[in-house]
Amino acid sequence: MKSIFFVVLLIFGTFPPGEGRSAGILYEVWHSTAAQLMAKVAAIGGDQLTTELVIRSNGDLTLNDVYIKYGLNGDIWNVQPQLGFYCLYRHRANDTNPPLADCANITQTATAHAKMLSAAGFDYVNIDVTNWPMADQGGPTDVAVLRPTEVLFEEWLKLRNQGVSTPQIAVWPCSPSGSTTWQYLLDTLYNDPQYDQLVYRQYGKKVVFLPFTSSCYDPATEELIRSNGGRNDVTTIKMWALFGIPTYSQDVWGFFAPCTSSADPNAYTTSMVNEGPCNQVASTNSSGIVEVSASGSYMLSQTALPFASAGHFRGLTLQRLFQKVLATGADNLFMSSFNEFIGGRQAPASSAKIAFNMGLPNDPQATSVWVDTYGSEFSRDIEPTVEGGSRVWEVASSCVTLYKAGQTCSDAPASACCTTEDKDVFASIWSLSNAAGPDNLLTSSAYERSVLVSQGWKENCNPIPNPTAFC
């Protein structure tokens, strides 16, 4: 029986929670419309531009050159995945008038992702449905997330039937009172016997994650989800981020968790240089630590605002976050994220004069700022991209491997998760002005900064609230 058990593990995943460590990652399926817009640009002979390419053009291009110049409009890709501008929408067999054409290369994309994530040690992906509380088959929610989620189940089931390992799948739907998306996902996927092996479980129950926000969480709806029509076979996990340190002690998971300041352990920091251990806050309950998170980067304000995001730093941010993950050895690791790439945009939350998409001060879309991901550097994503390469993915993969093996950097100092000579190569820069006259300077010396401040020089601070780079 023991040998059969390990064969099952080899094909279908690693130890279930409660019998070993579990690693999950946020996964997006919302690329369908954006991918097809890029295909339209290519079809008319246009340049397929991303936010990162516009930034790198040094003013020669604007965000209007992505779609608007071709009479198109939609979500702009921050970077191009190495797999191309992919998506997962495919019309249902009985749909004679689908709202969108089928995406190209669906099987290749789903297969590549399954192999990458399984090889890295991820047990499950958690599909982000946090912006869509109401199901609408054939409508915008269906195109964005419902049908692509179904297609991922279909594709990964085919792979498993061929003996190819895939992660399991969980969903994270916005579920306020009166919402319907959660019910659609349960009826269509969680309760379909053919997908039984694909649905992520903890302690024998199917897992549904719930956004722990006032607009997406309702205790009565949570009870309906757990009941699952009287089956009582679902457990829920509340999850969000940037909710304040005390909430971590209420059995609420963080889908990302910022580093805390070495000067004040109750304060978050975006600084990765000249700081002590990251020491992000772990999620706990009465039994102790239940989950620790790590991410490619993270933000403390809208991520496109100047210095609001920590950034990748060649994988240094991940490496510092994983110090806590590996030292803690919690049963659950959650990472954010694999493949957001597009994401929402808003008016700036700050009234500061520099409250625009960093690096694009004169762009006609400068004040429509990205919230969660920006360009190549300022993104939680870890999937390899054309502009950013694969280094952050390599660091993440090595870190997850160590976590799943119960090892730390003492056991594998040469691991990409543990080396610092290739990542910790940055210096802090301080900007100061002489209050007595028109004299300004930049310095990388903390000693010089301290001396000048003591002599009456003023440090020029970032006016964007929350980030800690520059004051």
Protein backbone atom coordinates (compact mmCIF):
# COMPACT_ATOMS: atom_id res chain seq x y z
CA MET A 1 0.00 0.00 0.00
CA LYS A 2 2.85 2.38 0.77
CA SER A 3 4.30 2.13 -2.74
CA ILE A 4 0.86 2.73 -4.28
CA PHE A 5 0.44 5.82 -2.11
CA PHE A 6 3.70 7.30 -3.37
CA VAL A 7 2.78 6.60 -7.00
CA VAL A 8 -0.44 8.55 -6.41
CA LEU A 9 1.59 11.40 -4.93
CA LEU A 10 3.90 11.43 -7.93
CA ILE A 11 1.02 11.81 -10.37
CA PHE A 12 -1.45 13.93 -8.49
CA GLY A 13 0.56 16.08 -6.13
CA THR A 14 2.28 16.07 -2.76
CA PHE A 15 1.12 15.29 0.73
CA PRO A 16 -2.32 16.68 1.64
CA PRO A 17 -2.50 19.33 4.37
CA GLY A 18 -2.19 17.75 7.77
CA GLU A 19 0.32 15.20 6.41
CA GLY A 20 2.94 17.62 5.12
CA ARG A 21 3.53 21.15 3.93
CA SER A 22 1.20 22.73 1.37
CA ALA A 23 2.19 25.43 -1.12
CA GLY A 24 -0.37 27.46 -3.08
CA ILE A 25 -0.15 30.42 -5.44
CA LEU A 26 -2.58 33.03 -6.73
CA TYR A 27 -3.44 32.36 -10.38
CA GLU A 28 -5.24 34.61 -12.86
CA VAL A 29 -7.47 33.55 -15.77
CA TRP A 30 -8.74 37.01 -16.74
CA HIS A 31 -6.56 37.63 -19.81
CA SER A 32 -9.01 36.72 -22.56
CA THR A 33 -10.08 40.16 -23.77
CA ALA A 34 -6.59 41.66 -23.39
CA ALA A 35 -4.98 38.77 -25.26
CA GLN A 36 -7.41 39.09 -28.15
CA LEU A 37 -6.81 42.85 -28.32
CA MET A 38 -3.11 42.13 -28.76
CA ALA A 39 -3.96 39.66 -31.51
CA LYS A 40 -5.97 42.39 -33.27
CA VAL A 41 -3.01 44.78 -33.04
CA ALA A 42 -0.74 42.18 -34.60
CA ALA A 43 -3.28 41.40 -37.32
CA ILE A 44 -3.32 45.01 -38.52
CA GLY A 45 0.48 45.21 -38.49
CA GLY A 46 0.80 47.20 -35.27
CA ASP A 47 3.46 46.92 -32.59
CA GLN A 48 2.48 44.79 -29.61
CA LEU A 49 3.46 47.14 -26.82
CA THR A 50 3.44 46.60 -23.07
CA THR A 51 3.63 49.09 -20.23
CA GLU A 52 7.26 48.11 -19.68
CA LEU A 53 8.15 48.85 -23.31
CA VAL A 54 6.47 52.24 -23.09
CA ILE A 55 8.44 53.07 -19.94
CA ARG A 56 11.71 51.98 -21.58
CA SER A 57 11.05 54.16 -24.64
CA ASN A 58 12.01 57.24 -22.58
CA GLY A 59 9.11 59.30 -23.87
CA ASP A 60 9.16 58.13 -27.49
CA LEU A 61 6.00 56.10 -26.86
CA THR A 62 2.92 56.68 -24.75
CA LEU A 63 0.26 54.35 -23.38
CA ASN A 64 -2.02 55.64 -26.16
CA ASP A 65 0.27 53.84 -28.62
CA VAL A 66 -0.77 50.48 -27.18
CA TYR A 67 -4.43 50.42 -28.27
CA ILE A 68 -5.93 53.87 -28.78
CA LYS A 69 -3.96 54.65 -31.94
CA TYR A 70 -5.64 51.60 -33.51
CA GLY A 71 -9.12 52.53 -32.31
CA LEU A 72 -9.04 49.86 -29.61
CA ASN A 73 -9.42 50.05 -25.85
CA GLY A 74 -8.88 47.65 -22.97
CA ASP A 75 -6.51 46.36 -20.30
CA ILE A 76 -2.84 46.93 -21.15
CA TRP A 77 -0.36 44.14 -20.53
CA ASN A 78 2.40 45.29 -18.20
CA VAL A 79 4.78 42.72 -19.69
CA GLN A 80 4.64 39.90 -22.22
CA PRO A 81 4.72 36.35 -20.79
CA GLN A 82 7.38 34.13 -22.34
CA LEU A 83 4.48 31.92 -23.47
CA GLY A 84 3.03 34.89 -25.38
CA PHE A 85 -0.14 36.90 -24.79
CA TYR A 86 -2.17 33.89 -23.75
CA CYS A 87 -5.71 33.32 -22.49
CA LEU A 88 -8.00 30.40 -21.62
CA TYR A 89 -11.46 31.29 -22.95
CA ARG A 90 -13.10 28.61 -25.11
CA HIS A 91 -16.80 28.59 -25.94
CA ARG A 92 -19.00 25.89 -24.46
CA ALA A 93 -20.02 23.05 -26.75
CA ASN A 94 -23.67 24.14 -26.74
CA ASP A 95 -22.93 27.86 -27.24
CA THR A 96 -23.89 28.77 -30.82
CA ASN A 97 -23.31 32.49 -30.31
CA PRO A 98 -20.29 32.91 -28.01
CA PRO A 99 -19.42 36.44 -26.83
CA LEU A 100 -15.76 36.00 -27.74
CA ALA A 101 -13.65 34.00 -30.14
CA ASP A 102 -11.76 31.05 -28.69
CA CYS A 103 -8.28 31.81 -27.40
CA ALA A 104 -5.30 30.37 -29.23
CA ASN A 105 -2.93 27.74 -27.82
CA ILE A 106 -5.05 26.93 -24.77
CA THR A 107 -3.75 23.38 -24.33
CA GLN A 108 -0.13 24.49 -24.72
CA THR A 109 -0.57 27.23 -22.12
CA ALA A 110 -2.40 25.05 -19.60
CA THR A 111 0.11 22.23 -20.05
CA ALA A 112 3.13 24.51 -19.66
CA HIS A 113 1.69 26.04 -16.50
CA ALA A 114 0.84 22.66 -15.00
CA LYS A 115 4.34 21.35 -15.60
CA MET A 116 6.06 24.50 -14.30
CA LEU A 117 3.99 24.75 -11.14
CA SER A 118 4.12 21.03 -10.35
CA ALA A 119 7.88 20.86 -10.87
CA ALA A 120 8.34 23.81 -8.52
CA GLY A 121 6.35 22.03 -5.80
CA PHE A 122 3.07 23.95 -5.81
CA ASP A 123 0.18 21.84 -4.57
CA TYR A 124 -2.61 24.11 -5.81
CA VAL A 125 -3.46 27.30 -7.60
CA ASN A 126 -6.05 29.68 -6.18
CA ILE A 127 -8.05 31.36 -8.93
CA ASP A 128 -8.70 35.05 -8.34
CA VAL A 129 -12.42 35.80 -8.66
CA THR A 130 -12.38 38.69 -6.21
CA ASN A 131 -13.84 41.30 -8.57
CA TRP A 132 -16.85 39.34 -9.79
CA PRO A 133 -19.59 38.60 -7.20
CA MET A 134 -22.39 37.97 -9.73
CA ALA A 135 -22.38 35.09 -12.21
CA ASP A 136 -23.61 35.97 -15.71
CA GLN A 137 -23.14 33.14 -18.19
CA GLY A 138 -22.30 34.76 -21.53
CA GLY A 139 -21.59 38.15 -19.93
CA PRO A 140 -18.45 39.99 -18.76
CA THR A 141 -17.93 37.84 -15.64
CA ASP A 142 -18.25 34.69 -17.72
CA VAL A 143 -15.69 35.90 -20.27
CA ALA A 144 -13.28 37.19 -17.64
CA VAL A 145 -13.22 34.37 -15.11
CA LEU A 146 -16.04 31.79 -15.14
CA ARG A 147 -15.51 30.12 -18.48
CA PRO A 148 -11.67 30.34 -18.33
CA THR A 149 -11.79 28.66 -14.91
CA GLU A 150 -13.91 25.86 -16.37
CA VAL A 151 -11.42 25.49 -19.22
CA LEU A 152 -8.50 25.19 -16.78
CA PHE A 153 -10.38 22.38 -15.01
CA GLU A 154 -11.03 20.70 -18.38
CA GLU A 155 -7.43 20.96 -19.53
CA TRP A 156 -5.84 19.83 -16.28
CA LEU A 157 -8.26 16.92 -15.99
CA LYS A 158 -7.14 15.77 -19.45
CA LEU A 159 -3.52 15.99 -18.34
CA ARG A 160 -4.18 13.98 -15.19
CA ASN A 161 -5.95 11.32 -17.25
CA GLN A 162 -2.75 11.12 -19.29
CA GLY A 163 -0.67 10.67 -16.12
CA VAL A 164 0.69 14.22 -16.17
CA SER A 165 0.95 15.90 -12.77
CA THR A 166 -0.98 19.12 -12.20
CA PRO A 167 -1.66 21.24 -9.13
CA GLN A 168 -5.12 21.11 -7.61
CA ILE A 169 -7.43 24.12 -7.97
CA ALA A 170 -9.21 26.35 -5.45
CA VAL A 171 -11.32 29.44 -6.08
CA TRP A 172 -11.44 32.82 -4.33
CA PRO A 173 -14.79 34.46 -5.15
CA CYS A 174 -16.09 37.80 -3.91
CA SER A 175 -19.08 36.62 -1.86
CA PRO A 176 -21.19 39.38 -0.28
CA SER A 177 -24.82 38.88 0.67
CA GLY A 178 -26.87 38.13 -2.44
CA SER A 179 -23.88 37.16 -4.58
CA THR A 180 -24.12 34.23 -7.01
CA THR A 181 -20.62 33.52 -8.35
CA TRP A 182 -19.76 31.22 -5.44
CA GLN A 183 -22.87 29.14 -6.10
CA TYR A 184 -22.06 28.85 -9.81
CA LEU A 185 -18.51 27.67 -9.04
CA LEU A 186 -19.73 25.08 -6.55
CA ASP A 187 -22.46 23.75 -8.85
CA THR A 188 -20.37 23.72 -12.00
CA LEU A 189 -16.98 22.59 -10.71
CA TYR A 190 -16.75 21.61 -7.04
CA ASN A 191 -19.84 19.38 -7.18
CA ASP A 192 -19.06 17.75 -10.55
CA PRO A 193 -17.77 14.23 -9.77
CA GLN A 194 -15.35 14.24 -12.70
CA TYR A 195 -13.41 17.08 -11.07
CA ASP A 196 -13.29 15.53 -7.62
CA GLN A 197 -9.55 14.86 -7.81
CA LEU A 198 -8.80 18.40 -8.97
CA VAL A 199 -10.48 20.39 -6.21
CA TYR A 200 -8.05 21.43 -3.47
CA ARG A 201 -8.83 20.02 -0.04
CA GLN A 202 -7.73 20.48 3.52
CA TYR A 203 -8.45 17.70 6.02
CA GLY A 204 -10.84 16.07 3.57
CA LYS A 205 -12.94 19.14 2.79
CA LYS A 206 -12.98 21.20 -0.40
CA VAL A 207 -11.47 24.65 0.09
CA VAL A 208 -13.05 27.94 -0.93
CA PHE A 209 -11.07 31.08 -0.16
CA LEU A 210 -13.06 34.20 0.76
CA PRO A 211 -11.85 37.81 0.36
CA PHE A 212 -11.94 39.23 3.88
CA THR A 213 -13.20 42.70 2.96
CA SER A 214 -16.43 44.54 3.72
CA SER A 215 -17.46 44.44 0.06
CA CYS A 216 -16.81 40.71 -0.48
CA TYR A 217 -17.35 38.92 2.83
CA ASP A 218 -20.60 38.01 4.54
CA PRO A 219 -20.76 35.50 7.44
CA ALA A 220 -24.16 34.16 6.37
CA THR A 221 -22.91 33.54 2.84
CA GLU A 222 -19.86 31.82 4.27
CA GLU A 223 -22.16 29.39 6.07
CA LEU A 224 -24.05 28.70 2.84
CA ILE A 225 -20.77 27.94 1.09
CA ARG A 226 -19.68 25.58 3.86
CA SER A 227 -23.03 23.81 3.77
CA ASN A 228 -22.86 23.41 -0.01
CA GLY A 229 -26.52 22.48 -0.28
CA GLY A 230 -26.41 20.21 2.76
CA ARG A 231 -23.30 18.30 1.70
CA ASN A 232 -21.23 20.02 4.42
CA ASP A 233 -18.09 19.19 2.46
CA VAL A 234 -16.53 22.68 2.09
CA THR A 235 -14.23 24.57 4.40
CA THR A 236 -13.50 28.26 3.95
CA ILE A 237 -10.33 30.30 4.41
CA LYS A 238 -10.58 34.05 4.87
CA MET A 239 -7.77 35.87 3.04
CA TRP A 240 -6.74 39.42 2.17
CA ALA A 241 -3.75 41.75 2.57
CA LEU A 242 -2.76 45.09 4.10
CA PHE A 243 -5.44 44.64 6.75
CA GLY A 244 -3.35 45.61 9.76
CA ILE A 245 -1.10 43.44 11.87
CA PRO A 246 -3.67 42.45 14.57
CA THR A 247 -5.93 40.76 11.99
CA TYR A 248 -3.25 38.14 11.27
CA SER A 249 -3.99 36.64 14.69
CA GLN A 250 -7.63 36.00 13.74
CA ASP A 251 -6.97 33.02 11.43
CA VAL A 252 -7.01 35.29 8.36
CA TRP A 253 -4.44 34.47 5.69
CA GLY A 254 -2.42 37.11 3.89
CA PHE A 255 -2.18 36.60 0.14
CA PHE A 256 0.88 38.77 0.51
CA ALA A 257 2.53 40.18 3.62
CA PRO A 258 4.96 43.13 3.60
CA CYS A 259 8.26 43.14 5.40
CA THR A 260 8.19 44.88 8.76
CA SER A 261 10.56 47.68 9.68
CA SER A 262 13.65 46.91 11.75
CA ALA A 263 13.04 50.23 13.50
CA ASP A 264 9.39 49.47 14.27
CA PRO A 265 8.12 45.86 14.07
CA ASN A 266 4.55 47.17 14.01
CA ALA A 267 5.15 49.11 10.79
CA TYR A 268 5.47 47.86 7.21
CA THR A 269 8.37 48.83 4.97
CA THR A 270 9.11 48.81 1.24
CA SER A 271 12.86 49.13 1.91
CA MET A 272 14.97 46.12 0.97
CA VAL A 273 18.41 47.66 1.64
CA ASN A 274 19.95 48.50 5.01
CA GLU A 275 17.12 46.68 6.76
CA GLY A 276 17.14 43.79 9.20
CA PRO A 277 15.28 40.52 8.63
CA CYS A 278 12.04 40.89 6.70
CA ASN A 279 10.00 39.23 9.46
CA GLN A 280 6.63 39.53 7.71
CA VAL A 281 3.67 38.75 9.91
CA ALA A 282 2.42 35.16 9.87
CA SER A 283 -1.24 34.19 10.16
CA THR A 284 -2.13 32.48 13.41
CA ASN A 285 -5.01 30.94 15.31
CA SER A 286 -5.32 29.40 18.76
CA SER A 287 -3.11 26.50 17.65
CA GLY A 288 -0.23 28.70 16.47
CA ILE A 289 1.08 29.70 13.05
CA VAL A 290 -1.09 28.42 10.19
CA GLU A 291 0.20 30.31 7.13
CA VAL A 292 3.10 32.44 5.94
CA SER A 293 3.11 34.25 2.62
CA ALA A 294 5.77 35.40 0.18
CA SER A 295 5.52 37.35 -3.07
CA GLY A 296 7.62 38.52 -5.98
CA SER A 297 7.12 42.05 -4.71
CA TYR A 298 4.40 43.93 -2.82
CA MET A 299 3.04 47.44 -2.53
CA LEU A 300 2.02 49.76 0.32
CA SER A 301 0.03 52.09 -1.94
CA GLN A 302 -1.10 51.87 -5.57
CA THR A 303 1.85 50.05 -7.02
CA ALA A 304 2.50 52.40 -9.97
CA LEU A 305 2.92 55.44 -7.72
CA PRO A 306 6.56 56.43 -7.14
CA PHE A 307 8.36 53.93 -4.91
CA ALA A 308 5.06 52.47 -3.62
CA SER A 309 6.23 48.94 -4.40
CA ALA A 310 9.25 47.13 -3.06
CA GLY A 311 10.17 45.74 -6.49
CA HIS A 312 11.81 42.44 -7.45
CA PHE A 313 15.45 43.45 -6.84
CA ARG A 314 16.67 40.44 -8.86
CA GLY A 315 14.81 38.17 -6.43
CA LEU A 316 16.09 39.86 -3.25
CA THR A 317 12.56 40.66 -2.08
CA LEU A 318 11.55 37.00 -2.43
CA GLN A 319 14.75 35.81 -0.79
CA ARG A 320 14.20 38.05 2.23
CA LEU A 321 10.53 37.02 2.58
CA PHE A 322 11.44 33.34 2.40
CA GLN A 323 13.82 33.65 5.33
CA LYS A 324 10.72 33.81 7.54
CA VAL A 325 8.91 31.11 5.52
CA LEU A 326 11.77 28.63 5.87
CA ALA A 327 12.51 29.45 9.51
CA THR A 328 8.85 29.13 10.52
CA GLY A 329 8.09 25.96 8.61
CA ALA A 330 4.35 26.60 8.75
CA ASP A 331 2.00 23.98 7.31
CA ASN A 332 0.79 26.46 4.68
CA LEU A 333 2.70 28.69 2.27
CA PHE A 334 0.77 31.02 0.01
CA MET A 335 2.46 32.99 -2.76
CA SER A 336 1.26 35.95 -4.79
CA SER A 337 1.22 35.78 -7.65
CA PHE A 338 1.90 33.74 -10.75
CA ASN A 339 0.45 35.69 -13.66
CA GLU A 340 -1.58 38.83 -13.05
CA PHE A 341 0.03 40.87 -15.85
CA ILE A 342 -2.86 43.27 -16.51
CA GLY A 343 -4.82 44.37 -13.44
CA GLY A 344 -7.04 47.30 -12.57
CA ARG A 345 -6.30 51.01 -12.75
CA GLN A 346 -7.64 53.90 -10.67
CA ALA A 347 -7.27 57.60 -10.09
CA PRO A 348 -4.32 58.28 -7.75
CA ALA A 349 -5.07 57.84 -4.06
CA SER A 350 -2.62 60.66 -3.31
CA SER A 351 -2.92 64.35 -4.23
CA ALA A 352 0.86 64.74 -4.44
CA LYS A 353 2.25 66.33 -7.59
CA ILE A 354 4.16 63.13 -8.35
CA ALA A 355 1.06 60.93 -8.03
CA PHE A 356 1.29 59.41 -11.52
CA ASN A 357 2.53 56.20 -13.12
CA MET A 358 6.20 56.30 -12.16
CA GLY A 359 8.42 57.01 -15.15
CA LEU A 360 5.57 58.38 -17.28
CA PRO A 361 5.05 61.95 -15.99
CA ASN A 362 3.96 63.36 -19.35
CA ASP A 363 1.93 60.42 -20.59
CA PRO A 364 -1.71 61.21 -21.48
CA GLN A 365 -2.69 58.29 -19.21
CA ALA A 366 -0.29 59.22 -16.42
CA THR A 367 -2.96 59.57 -13.75
CA SER A 368 -4.77 56.31 -14.49
CA VAL A 369 -2.51 54.32 -12.19
CA TRP A 370 -2.08 50.58 -11.82
CA VAL A 371 -3.05 49.22 -8.41
CA ASP A 372 -1.40 45.80 -8.11
CA THR A 373 1.20 45.38 -10.85
CA TYR A 374 3.30 47.82 -12.83
CA GLY A 375 5.80 47.18 -15.57
CA SER A 376 8.33 44.40 -15.09
CA GLU A 377 9.94 45.30 -11.76
CA PHE A 378 7.02 46.42 -9.62
CA SER A 379 4.91 43.30 -9.77
CA ARG A 380 4.09 40.38 -7.50
CA ASP A 381 4.12 38.08 -10.56
CA ILE A 382 6.79 35.41 -10.89
CA GLU A 383 5.98 33.74 -14.23
CA PRO A 384 8.87 34.28 -16.69
CA THR A 385 8.38 37.19 -19.09
CA VAL A 386 10.05 38.57 -22.20
CA GLU A 387 11.03 41.83 -20.51
CA GLY A 388 11.88 40.51 -17.06
CA GLY A 389 13.34 37.09 -17.82
CA SER A 390 13.07 34.08 -15.53
CA ARG A 391 15.31 34.96 -12.57
CA VAL A 392 12.50 35.67 -10.09
CA TRP A 393 10.78 32.42 -11.10
CA GLU A 394 14.04 30.51 -10.56
CA VAL A 395 14.43 32.01 -7.08
CA ALA A 396 10.80 31.22 -6.24
CA SER A 397 11.10 27.63 -7.47
CA SER A 398 14.21 27.01 -5.41
CA CYS A 399 12.56 28.54 -2.33
CA VAL A 400 9.44 26.40 -2.64
CA THR A 401 11.61 23.31 -3.10
CA LEU A 402 13.41 24.06 0.18
CA TYR A 403 10.13 24.75 1.97
CA LYS A 404 8.55 21.50 0.81
CA ALA A 405 11.67 19.56 1.88
CA GLY A 406 11.68 21.14 5.34
CA GLN A 407 15.07 22.70 4.70
CA THR A 408 16.54 26.14 5.36
CA CYS A 409 19.42 28.02 3.79
CA SER A 410 21.76 26.36 6.29
CA ASP A 411 21.05 23.11 4.44
CA ALA A 412 21.42 24.58 0.92
CA PRO A 413 23.49 27.79 0.99
CA ALA A 414 24.15 27.61 -2.77
CA SER A 415 20.45 27.49 -3.63
CA ALA A 416 19.14 30.41 -5.67
CA CYS A 417 16.81 31.01 -2.73
CA CYS A 418 19.75 31.59 -0.40
CA THR A 419 22.57 33.29 -2.29
CA THR A 420 22.91 37.04 -1.75
CA GLU A 421 25.95 38.00 -3.81
CA ASP A 422 23.76 37.95 -6.93
CA LYS A 423 20.88 39.92 -5.36
CA ASP A 424 22.03 42.09 -2.47
CA VAL A 425 23.90 44.47 -4.75
CA PHE A 426 21.87 47.64 -4.21
CA ALA A 427 22.52 50.76 -2.13
CA SER A 428 20.19 53.21 -0.46
CA ILE A 429 20.24 56.75 -1.84
CA TRP A 430 19.20 59.77 0.19
CA SER A 431 18.18 63.13 -1.27
CA LEU A 432 18.99 66.23 0.78
CA SER A 433 18.67 69.99 0.44
CA ASN A 434 20.55 72.72 2.27
CA ALA A 435 18.00 74.87 4.07
CA ALA A 436 20.47 77.78 4.04
CA GLY A 437 20.78 77.96 0.28
CA PRO A 438 20.05 76.40 -3.10
CA ASP A 439 22.26 73.38 -2.63
CA ASN A 440 21.09 69.77 -3.20
CA LEU A 441 22.84 66.43 -3.20
CA LEU A 442 22.34 62.68 -3.37
CA THR A 443 24.35 60.40 -1.11
CA SER A 444 24.65 56.66 -0.61
CA SER A 445 26.39 57.16 2.75
CA ALA A 446 24.20 56.83 5.83
CA TYR A 447 26.95 58.55 7.81
CA GLU A 448 27.02 61.55 5.46
CA ARG A 449 23.24 61.78 5.57
CA SER A 450 23.29 61.79 9.39
CA VAL A 451 25.98 64.47 9.54
CA LEU A 452 24.24 66.74 7.04
CA VAL A 453 20.88 66.43 8.81
CA SER A 454 22.57 67.37 12.08
CA GLN A 455 23.96 70.46 10.33
CA GLY A 456 20.53 71.63 9.22
CA TRP A 457 20.15 69.92 5.86
CA LYS A 458 16.67 68.62 5.10
CA GLU A 459 15.94 65.17 3.72
CA ASN A 460 13.62 65.27 0.71
CA CYS A 461 10.85 62.77 1.43
CA ASN A 462 8.51 60.86 -0.84
CA PRO A 463 5.08 62.57 -0.54
CA ILE A 464 3.24 59.33 -1.36
CA PRO A 465 1.90 57.93 1.95
CA ASN A 466 3.05 54.53 3.28
CA PRO A 467 6.17 53.69 1.17
CA THR A 468 9.38 54.02 3.14
CA ALA A 469 11.93 54.64 0.36
CA PHE A 470 13.04 58.29 0.79
CA CYS A 471 12.27 58.90 4.47
